[in-house]
Protein backbone atom coordinates (compact mmCIF):
# COMPACT_ATOMS: atom_id res chain seq x y z
CA MET A 1 17.11 26.96 21.39
CA ASN A 2 18.15 27.46 17.75
CA ARG A 3 16.33 29.83 15.42
CA PRO A 4 13.02 28.58 13.97
CA LEU A 5 13.10 26.67 10.71
CA ASN A 6 11.20 28.32 7.87
CA LEU A 7 8.73 26.01 6.13
CA ALA A 8 7.20 26.27 2.68
CA ILE A 9 4.12 24.08 2.21
CA ALA A 10 3.04 23.12 -1.31
CA GLY A 11 -0.54 21.89 -1.19
CA LEU A 12 -3.22 22.86 1.33
CA GLY A 13 -5.69 20.06 0.86
CA THR A 14 -6.80 17.69 3.61
CA VAL A 15 -3.28 16.78 4.68
CA GLY A 16 -1.75 20.23 4.19
CA ALA A 17 -4.43 21.86 6.30
CA GLY A 18 -3.92 19.13 8.91
CA VAL A 19 -0.19 19.91 9.06
CA VAL A 20 -0.87 23.60 9.65
CA ARG A 21 -3.33 22.82 12.44
CA LEU A 22 -0.97 20.35 14.11
CA LEU A 23 1.99 22.75 14.01
CA ARG A 24 -0.13 25.39 15.67
CA SER A 25 -1.93 23.14 18.15
CA ASN A 26 1.17 21.36 19.43
CA GLY A 27 3.79 23.98 18.56
CA LYS A 28 5.40 24.11 22.01
CA LEU A 29 5.69 20.33 22.28
CA ILE A 30 7.05 20.09 18.72
CA ALA A 31 9.68 22.77 19.42
CA LEU A 32 10.71 21.02 22.64
CA ARG A 33 11.13 17.66 20.94
CA GLY A 34 12.88 19.03 17.88
CA GLY A 35 15.03 21.58 19.66
CA ARG A 36 13.67 24.43 17.55
CA ALA A 37 10.37 25.88 16.43
CA PHE A 38 8.88 26.05 12.95
CA THR A 39 7.59 29.08 11.11
CA ILE A 40 5.25 28.67 8.17
CA ALA A 41 6.89 31.17 5.87
CA ALA A 42 5.15 30.46 2.57
CA VAL A 43 2.40 28.33 1.08
CA ALA A 44 1.24 27.47 -2.41
CA ALA A 45 -2.14 26.01 -3.31
CA ARG A 46 -4.34 25.70 -6.36
CA ASP A 47 -7.10 27.96 -5.02
CA PRO A 48 -5.93 30.64 -2.56
CA GLY A 49 -9.50 31.82 -2.06
CA LYS A 50 -10.85 28.46 -0.91
CA ALA A 51 -12.27 28.33 2.63
CA ARG A 52 -10.00 26.04 4.66
CA GLY A 53 -10.78 27.10 8.21
CA LEU A 54 -7.18 28.27 8.66
CA ASP A 55 -5.81 31.62 9.74
CA LEU A 56 -3.01 32.21 7.24
CA SER A 57 -2.60 35.92 7.87
CA GLY A 58 1.07 36.84 7.77
CA VAL A 59 1.91 33.81 5.60
CA ARG A 60 3.19 34.54 2.09
CA TRP A 61 1.12 33.01 -0.70
CA CYS A 62 3.06 31.94 -3.77
CA ASP A 63 1.58 31.51 -7.22
CA ASP A 64 4.62 29.53 -8.37
CA ALA A 65 5.27 26.53 -6.11
CA VAL A 66 8.49 25.60 -7.92
CA ALA A 67 9.90 29.10 -7.41
CA MET A 68 8.85 28.87 -3.76
CA ALA A 69 10.92 25.67 -3.46
CA ALA A 70 14.01 27.62 -4.55
CA ASP A 71 13.45 30.56 -2.18
CA PRO A 72 16.71 31.18 -0.25
CA THR A 73 14.78 32.08 2.92
CA VAL A 74 13.13 28.64 3.09
CA ASP A 75 14.79 25.81 5.06
CA VAL A 76 12.34 22.94 4.51
CA VAL A 77 9.84 22.30 1.73
CA VAL A 78 6.77 20.16 2.46
CA GLU A 79 5.31 18.68 -0.73
CA LEU A 80 1.67 17.61 -0.34
CA ILE A 81 0.39 17.97 -3.90
CA GLY A 82 0.76 14.36 -5.05
CA GLY A 83 1.40 12.70 -8.37
CA SER A 84 4.47 10.88 -9.63
CA ASP A 85 5.54 13.58 -12.09
CA GLY A 86 4.64 17.12 -13.07
CA ILE A 87 4.76 19.89 -10.52
CA ALA A 88 5.24 17.64 -7.48
CA ARG A 89 8.43 16.17 -8.90
CA GLN A 90 9.65 19.61 -9.97
CA ILE A 91 9.10 20.97 -6.46
CA VAL A 92 11.05 18.17 -4.79
CA GLU A 93 13.92 18.24 -7.27
CA THR A 94 14.15 22.04 -7.13
CA ALA A 95 14.12 22.09 -3.33
CA LEU A 96 16.87 19.48 -3.01
CA THR A 97 19.00 21.09 -5.71
CA HIS A 98 18.73 24.44 -3.91
CA GLY A 99 19.77 23.02 -0.56
CA LYS A 100 16.39 22.54 1.13
CA HIS A 101 15.31 19.56 3.18
CA VAL A 102 12.14 17.95 1.83
CA VAL A 103 9.24 16.21 3.54
CA THR A 104 6.65 14.56 1.30
CA ALA A 105 3.58 12.36 1.62
CA ASN A 106 3.79 11.47 -2.07
CA LYS A 107 3.79 7.68 -2.41
CA ALA A 108 3.54 7.74 -6.21
CA LEU A 109 6.56 10.01 -6.52
CA MET A 110 8.66 7.89 -4.16
CA ALA A 111 7.58 4.63 -5.82
CA GLN A 112 8.41 5.86 -9.31
CA HIS A 113 11.48 8.03 -8.64
CA GLY A 114 12.55 7.27 -5.07
CA SER A 115 16.02 5.92 -5.86
CA ALA A 116 16.96 8.90 -8.04
CA LEU A 117 15.58 11.39 -5.53
CA ALA A 118 17.44 9.68 -2.69
CA LEU A 119 20.68 10.09 -4.64
CA LEU A 120 19.87 13.75 -5.31
CA ALA A 121 19.20 14.35 -1.60
CA GLU A 122 22.45 12.71 -0.55
CA THR A 123 24.43 14.55 -3.23
CA ASN A 124 23.18 17.83 -1.78
CA ASP A 125 23.57 16.65 1.84
CA LYS A 126 19.86 17.14 2.53
CA VAL A 127 17.10 15.04 4.05
CA LEU A 128 14.33 13.53 1.93
CA ALA A 129 11.72 12.27 4.41
CA PHE A 130 8.51 10.44 3.52
CA GLU A 131 6.98 8.75 6.57
CA ALA A 132 3.53 9.97 5.53
CA ALA A 133 3.77 8.26 2.13
CA VAL A 134 2.95 4.83 3.58
CA ALA A 135 0.23 3.85 6.05
CA GLY A 136 -0.70 7.30 7.35
CA GLY A 137 0.08 7.65 11.03
CA ILE A 138 1.70 4.20 11.38
CA PRO A 139 5.49 4.65 11.76
CA ALA A 140 6.25 1.97 9.18
CA ILE A 141 9.14 3.80 7.49
CA LYS A 142 10.95 4.62 10.74
CA THR A 143 10.41 1.11 12.08
CA LEU A 144 11.93 -0.57 9.02
CA ARG A 145 14.72 1.94 8.47
CA GLU A 146 15.77 2.51 12.06
CA GLY A 147 14.02 0.28 14.59
CA LEU A 148 14.80 -2.91 12.66
CA ALA A 149 18.08 -1.73 11.13
CA ALA A 150 20.07 -4.60 12.67
CA ASN A 151 17.79 -7.29 11.26
CA GLN A 152 17.61 -9.31 8.09
CA ILE A 153 13.96 -9.20 6.99
CA ALA A 154 12.69 -12.44 5.48
CA ARG A 155 9.27 -11.26 4.41
CA LEU A 156 7.18 -8.11 4.53
CA TYR A 157 3.45 -7.88 3.99
CA GLY A 158 0.52 -5.69 4.87
CA ILE A 159 -2.89 -4.18 4.32
CA LEU A 160 -1.82 -0.99 2.58
CA ASN A 161 -5.08 0.47 1.27
CA GLY A 162 -7.90 1.46 3.60
CA THR A 163 -10.51 1.76 0.85
CA CYS A 164 -10.08 -1.85 -0.22
CA ASN A 165 -9.98 -3.06 3.36
CA TYR A 166 -13.20 -1.18 4.12
CA ILE A 167 -14.93 -2.71 1.10
CA LEU A 168 -13.81 -6.26 1.89
CA THR A 169 -14.78 -5.79 5.54
CA GLN A 170 -18.27 -4.62 4.62
CA MET A 171 -18.66 -7.46 2.12
CA SER A 172 -18.10 -9.89 5.00
CA GLU A 173 -20.18 -7.97 7.53
CA PRO A 174 -20.94 -10.28 10.48
CA GLY A 175 -24.53 -11.18 11.20
CA ARG A 176 -25.61 -11.38 7.55
CA GLU A 177 -26.66 -14.65 5.96
CA THR A 178 -24.76 -13.86 2.78
CA GLY A 179 -22.04 -11.37 1.85
CA ARG A 180 -22.66 -8.11 0.02
CA GLU A 181 -21.54 -7.59 -3.55
CA PHE A 182 -18.53 -5.46 -4.45
CA GLY A 183 -20.46 -2.87 -6.49
CA ASP A 184 -22.96 -2.17 -3.70
CA VAL A 185 -20.28 -1.69 -1.05
CA LEU A 186 -18.16 0.45 -3.37
CA ALA A 187 -21.08 2.82 -3.92
CA GLU A 188 -21.54 3.04 -0.15
CA ALA A 189 -17.82 3.76 0.35
CA GLN A 190 -18.01 6.55 -2.23
CA ALA A 191 -21.04 8.06 -0.48
CA LEU A 192 -19.14 8.01 2.85
CA GLY A 193 -16.02 9.58 1.32
CA TYR A 194 -13.87 6.45 1.76
CA ALA A 195 -13.58 5.96 -2.01
CA GLU A 196 -13.03 8.48 -4.79
CA ALA A 197 -15.52 9.11 -7.59
CA ASP A 198 -13.01 7.25 -9.79
CA PRO A 199 -11.91 4.44 -7.44
CA SER A 200 -9.53 2.72 -9.89
CA PHE A 201 -6.34 3.84 -8.16
CA ASP A 202 -7.49 2.10 -4.97
CA VAL A 203 -9.58 -0.90 -6.01
CA ASP A 204 -7.24 -1.94 -8.82
CA GLY A 205 -4.31 -2.17 -6.40
CA VAL A 206 -2.14 0.70 -7.70
CA ASP A 207 -2.12 2.67 -4.45
CA ALA A 208 -1.08 -0.41 -2.46
CA ALA A 209 1.60 -1.20 -5.05
CA HIS A 210 3.14 2.27 -4.69
CA LYS A 211 3.42 1.74 -0.96
CA LEU A 212 4.78 -1.79 -1.32
CA ALA A 213 7.54 -0.58 -3.65
CA ILE A 214 8.71 1.85 -0.95
CA LEU A 215 8.56 -0.70 1.87
CA THR A 216 10.39 -3.31 -0.21
CA SER A 217 13.31 -0.96 -0.79
CA LEU A 218 13.55 -0.26 2.92
CA ALA A 219 13.23 -3.91 3.91
CA PHE A 220 15.77 -5.38 1.51
CA GLY A 221 18.08 -2.49 0.60
CA SER A 222 16.93 -2.69 -3.00
CA ALA A 223 16.42 0.04 -5.56
CA VAL A 224 12.75 1.01 -5.72
CA ASP A 225 11.10 -1.09 -8.45
CA PHE A 226 7.43 -0.24 -8.90
CA ALA A 227 7.43 -1.74 -12.41
CA GLY A 228 8.43 -5.12 -10.97
CA ILE A 229 5.27 -5.53 -8.88
CA HIS A 230 2.53 -7.98 -9.87
CA VAL A 231 -0.72 -6.08 -9.27
CA GLU A 232 -4.33 -7.28 -9.06
CA GLY A 233 -7.28 -5.46 -7.54
CA ILE A 234 -10.46 -6.60 -5.80
CA ARG A 235 -13.12 -6.07 -8.47
CA HIS A 236 -13.45 -9.81 -9.11
CA VAL A 237 -14.04 -10.73 -5.45
CA SER A 238 -17.70 -11.71 -5.03
CA ALA A 239 -20.07 -12.35 -2.16
CA LEU A 240 -19.77 -16.05 -3.00
CA ASP A 241 -16.02 -15.90 -2.47
CA ILE A 242 -16.47 -14.11 0.85
CA ASP A 243 -18.89 -16.83 2.02
CA PHE A 244 -16.70 -19.71 0.89
CA ALA A 245 -13.65 -18.11 2.51
CA ALA A 246 -15.45 -18.02 5.86
CA GLU A 247 -16.53 -21.64 5.45
CA LEU A 248 -12.92 -22.65 4.80
CA GLY A 249 -11.57 -20.68 7.77
CA TYR A 250 -10.24 -17.63 5.93
CA ARG A 251 -10.87 -13.95 5.36
CA ILE A 252 -10.11 -12.19 2.10
CA LYS A 253 -7.71 -9.24 2.31
CA LEU A 254 -5.90 -7.21 -0.32
CA LEU A 255 -2.26 -7.62 0.69
CA GLY A 256 1.05 -6.28 -0.52
CA ILE A 257 3.72 -8.97 -0.06
CA ALA A 258 7.48 -8.84 -0.66
CA ARG A 259 10.31 -11.31 -0.13
CA LEU A 260 13.67 -12.24 -1.56
CA THR A 261 13.83 -15.38 -3.70
CA GLU A 262 16.55 -17.17 -5.65
CA ARG A 263 15.31 -15.36 -8.76
CA GLY A 264 15.20 -11.87 -7.25
CA VAL A 265 12.66 -9.75 -5.39
CA GLU A 266 9.10 -11.03 -5.36
CA GLN A 267 6.63 -8.15 -5.01
CA ARG A 268 2.92 -8.75 -5.39
CA VAL A 269 -0.37 -7.03 -4.60
CA HIS A 270 -3.55 -9.09 -4.86
CA PRO A 271 -6.49 -10.47 -2.86
CA CYS A 272 -5.42 -13.22 -0.45
CA MET A 273 -7.10 -15.89 1.63
CA VAL A 274 -5.77 -15.19 5.13
CA PRO A 275 -6.25 -17.72 7.99
CA LEU A 276 -8.67 -16.42 10.60
CA ALA A 277 -6.17 -16.98 13.40
CA THR A 278 -3.59 -14.54 12.00
CA PRO A 279 -3.44 -10.98 13.43
CA ILE A 280 -3.86 -9.38 10.02
CA ALA A 281 -7.20 -11.15 9.49
CA ALA A 282 -8.67 -9.04 12.30
CA VAL A 283 -7.62 -5.70 10.79
CA ASP A 284 -10.91 -4.25 9.58
CA GLY A 285 -12.43 -1.11 8.13
CA VAL A 286 -10.15 1.68 6.93
CA PHE A 287 -7.26 0.51 9.11
CA ASN A 288 -3.88 -0.51 7.68
CA ALA A 289 -1.31 -2.99 8.97
CA VAL A 290 2.33 -3.71 8.17
CA VAL A 291 4.07 -6.95 9.22
CA ALA A 292 7.82 -7.58 9.08
CA GLU A 293 9.32 -11.01 9.75
CA CYS A 294 12.86 -10.54 11.08
CA ASP A 295 15.71 -12.87 12.00
CA PHE A 296 16.34 -11.41 15.48
CA ALA A 297 13.29 -9.29 16.34
CA GLY A 298 10.81 -11.93 15.13
CA ARG A 299 7.44 -10.87 13.77
CA ILE A 300 6.62 -7.17 14.17
CA VAL A 301 3.01 -6.08 13.59
CA LEU A 302 2.11 -2.40 13.15
CA GLN A 303 -1.53 -1.35 12.91
CA GLY A 304 -3.39 1.94 12.77
CA ARG A 305 -5.15 4.50 10.64
CA GLY A 306 -3.66 4.50 7.18
CA ALA A 307 -5.08 7.76 5.89
CA GLY A 308 -6.88 10.94 6.87
CA ALA A 309 -5.85 14.46 7.78
CA GLU A 310 -4.74 13.90 11.36
CA PRO A 311 -2.79 10.58 11.09
CA THR A 312 -1.01 11.71 7.91
CA ALA A 313 -0.24 15.16 9.33
CA SER A 314 1.22 13.41 12.39
CA ALA A 315 3.65 11.52 10.14
CA VAL A 316 4.63 14.69 8.23
CA VAL A 317 5.37 16.60 11.43
CA ALA A 318 7.30 13.65 12.88
CA ASP A 319 9.65 13.98 9.90
CA LEU A 320 9.93 17.73 10.51
CA ILE A 321 10.89 17.10 14.13
CA ASP A 322 13.66 14.72 13.02
CA ILE A 323 15.00 17.39 10.67
CA ALA A 324 14.87 20.02 13.42
CA ALA A 325 16.71 17.71 15.81
CA GLY A 326 19.38 16.92 13.23
CA ARG A 327 18.59 13.21 13.07
CA ARG A 328 19.88 11.90 9.74
CA THR A 329 19.65 8.50 8.07
CA PRO A 330 19.98 7.57 4.40
CA THR A 331 16.65 7.90 2.61
CA PHE A 332 16.15 4.14 2.21
CA GLY A 333 18.33 3.03 5.11
CA VAL A 334 21.55 2.57 3.11
CA PRO A 335 23.38 5.03 0.85
CA ALA A 336 21.52 5.48 -2.43
CA ALA A 337 24.52 4.29 -4.45
CA SER A 338 24.46 1.03 -2.45
CA LEU A 339 20.83 0.14 -3.18
CA ALA A 340 20.93 -3.30 -4.80
CA ARG A 341 19.68 -3.68 -8.37
CA ARG A 342 17.88 -7.00 -8.02
CA PRO A 343 15.70 -8.50 -10.77
CA ALA A 344 11.98 -8.92 -10.25
CA SER A 345 11.09 -12.53 -9.48
CA PRO A 346 8.54 -13.64 -12.13
CA MET A 347 5.06 -14.26 -10.77
CA LEU A 348 4.78 -17.47 -12.79
CA HIS A 349 7.46 -18.96 -10.50
CA HIS A 350 5.55 -18.13 -7.32
CA ARG A 351 4.72 -21.20 -5.27
CA GLY A 352 1.69 -21.35 -3.01
CA ALA A 353 -1.73 -22.81 -2.40
CA TYR A 354 -4.82 -21.64 -4.28
CA TYR A 355 -8.56 -21.21 -3.90
CA ILE A 356 -10.45 -21.78 -7.15
CA ARG A 357 -14.15 -21.09 -7.70
CA LEU A 358 -15.85 -22.43 -10.81
CA MET A 359 -19.40 -21.95 -12.06
CA VAL A 360 -20.27 -25.12 -13.93
CA LEU A 361 -23.31 -26.82 -15.44
CA ASP A 362 -24.40 -29.65 -13.17
CA ARG A 363 -23.81 -32.58 -15.50
CA PRO A 364 -22.19 -36.00 -15.10
CA GLY A 365 -18.44 -35.99 -15.76
CA VAL A 366 -17.78 -32.35 -14.90
CA ILE A 367 -15.68 -33.10 -11.82
CA ALA A 368 -13.69 -35.73 -13.74
CA ASP A 369 -12.82 -33.22 -16.49
CA ILE A 370 -11.70 -30.63 -13.93
CA ALA A 371 -9.64 -33.20 -12.02
CA ALA A 372 -7.97 -34.33 -15.25
CA ALA A 373 -6.86 -30.77 -16.07
CA LEU A 374 -5.35 -30.38 -12.61
CA ARG A 375 -3.74 -33.83 -12.72
CA ASP A 376 -2.05 -33.14 -16.06
CA GLU A 377 -0.40 -30.03 -14.61
CA GLN A 378 0.65 -31.82 -11.40
CA VAL A 379 -1.72 -29.70 -9.30
CA SER A 380 -2.90 -31.57 -6.22
CA MET A 381 -6.34 -30.82 -4.75
CA GLU A 382 -6.62 -30.41 -1.00
CA ALA A 383 -10.39 -29.97 -0.65
CA MET A 384 -13.54 -29.50 -2.72
CA ILE A 385 -16.93 -28.00 -1.92
CA GLN A 386 -19.98 -28.75 -4.07
CA ARG A 387 -23.36 -27.67 -2.75
CA GLY A 388 -26.50 -29.59 -3.64
CA ARG A 389 -27.68 -30.63 -7.07
CA SER A 390 -29.31 -28.53 -9.80
CA PRO A 391 -29.20 -30.75 -12.91
CA GLY A 392 -28.57 -28.68 -16.03
CA GLU A 393 -28.08 -25.43 -14.13
CA ALA A 394 -24.91 -23.52 -13.21
CA VAL A 395 -23.64 -24.27 -9.70
CA PRO A 396 -20.49 -23.22 -7.83
CA ILE A 397 -17.65 -25.63 -7.20
CA VAL A 398 -14.79 -24.57 -4.95
CA LEU A 399 -11.39 -26.23 -4.91
CA THR A 400 -8.36 -25.60 -2.74
CA THR A 401 -4.95 -26.91 -3.74
CA HIS A 402 -1.73 -27.92 -2.09
CA VAL A 403 1.34 -25.81 -2.80
CA THR A 404 2.09 -25.63 -6.51
CA GLU A 405 3.75 -23.35 -9.02
CA GLU A 406 1.67 -20.49 -10.38
CA ALA A 407 2.52 -21.32 -14.01
CA ALA A 408 1.05 -24.81 -13.60
CA MET A 409 -2.04 -23.42 -11.87
CA ARG A 410 -2.67 -20.96 -14.69
CA ARG A 411 -2.22 -23.61 -17.39
CA ALA A 412 -4.74 -25.83 -15.62
CA LEU A 413 -7.23 -22.96 -15.32
CA ASP A 414 -6.80 -22.05 -18.99
CA ARG A 415 -7.74 -25.62 -19.87
CA ILE A 416 -10.66 -25.69 -17.43
CA ALA A 417 -12.00 -22.41 -18.85
CA LEU A 418 -12.36 -24.07 -22.26
CA LEU A 419 -14.69 -26.80 -20.96
CA ASP A 420 -18.21 -26.34 -22.34
CA THR A 421 -19.61 -26.99 -18.86
CA VAL A 422 -17.80 -23.99 -17.34
CA THR A 423 -20.05 -20.94 -17.65
CA GLU A 424 -17.74 -18.10 -16.59
CA PRO A 425 -14.01 -17.51 -16.17
CA PRO A 426 -12.52 -19.37 -13.18
CA ARG A 427 -11.85 -17.22 -10.11
CA MET A 428 -8.50 -17.70 -8.41
CA ILE A 429 -7.42 -16.31 -5.04
CA ARG A 430 -4.05 -17.18 -3.53
CA ILE A 431 -3.97 -18.73 -0.07
CA GLU A 432 -1.24 -17.23 2.10
CA ASP A 433 0.66 -19.05 4.83
CA LEU A 434 1.11 -16.16 7.27
């Protein structure tokens, strides 16, 4: 067996501590599968004195993580600090420039700078591995880059944020007469540790968008384009919407969706109405799922825990084993210089069906005014739900449409919003044909 590889780990939070435990718990198995062992030679963390439940005696602590990344005795740098810029980016760039392999779980870094970092890695003949950056312990990166390498992928989509999926699952908790409101479930998720004190990164769709940008590059051989993603979060999803979705035969999920169109790459993150019969509709709680639709392999569905110390550490160490074994593939499946520079397909050109919920005053002529606005924009209604009568009071009306262009749908909703009988902004959720 070859000499052990010396690791430097930057960041000893939940994932970093999990990596240390996994390397020590399964060290013999890891060495057997990689053909060589690993030695944790150095670590850097914000608070060296913090109790982590780890025995780090004999491991060198470094105050300067960037200097640690340049240490000539280090073979592989594991970056687990996070953030798209700042010290995390400096560590990765320094390590690659100084001839170190890099393993990272940093989705923001790879979404914002992945193409440039891939080129830097290839220029220095080093590996930049990032399985842990997307979907925790699910081998989504390896599946797209290697397992499906012979396939043309028509469409990619998935549940990429466990916090949002937990919230939407709890809002539609079975056995309740009505759904629970977003704010109540968010507070519960924060109390349980599933959501951060500032949940914006998750509930506004940014986290899922970072992951989608990475998966899109792998699926279509495109340069990573986070800026080209249309992003919406789940704050506007209400208990009413959850109930109406169930009545119509759907569940609401926050999805990341990518496909190639005539205008370029369509990337979007937003709440979706998903038919109950589809596999992804049954993915609940903090679980993630990734679905790839391929020309030869067909539909591939991956599901599992998308976050947490153990699943994410598993993905980090899987990358380390590949490095130890000498398994090499281009960072995004094709040489960095060959990544296609495709334009972002404008969201206004998206075509699909829509769910619309309106709160309107129950007066004669309201439905006619709404229908006229849709008719003038060539939007065809498929179904309508109106419950009961409450003359003079605000009541919900739900419409679903046939396939139409998003620009037309938005123009119709802008006109409907101006009606004096409409009491709050219209709520729109896209219906996905999965």
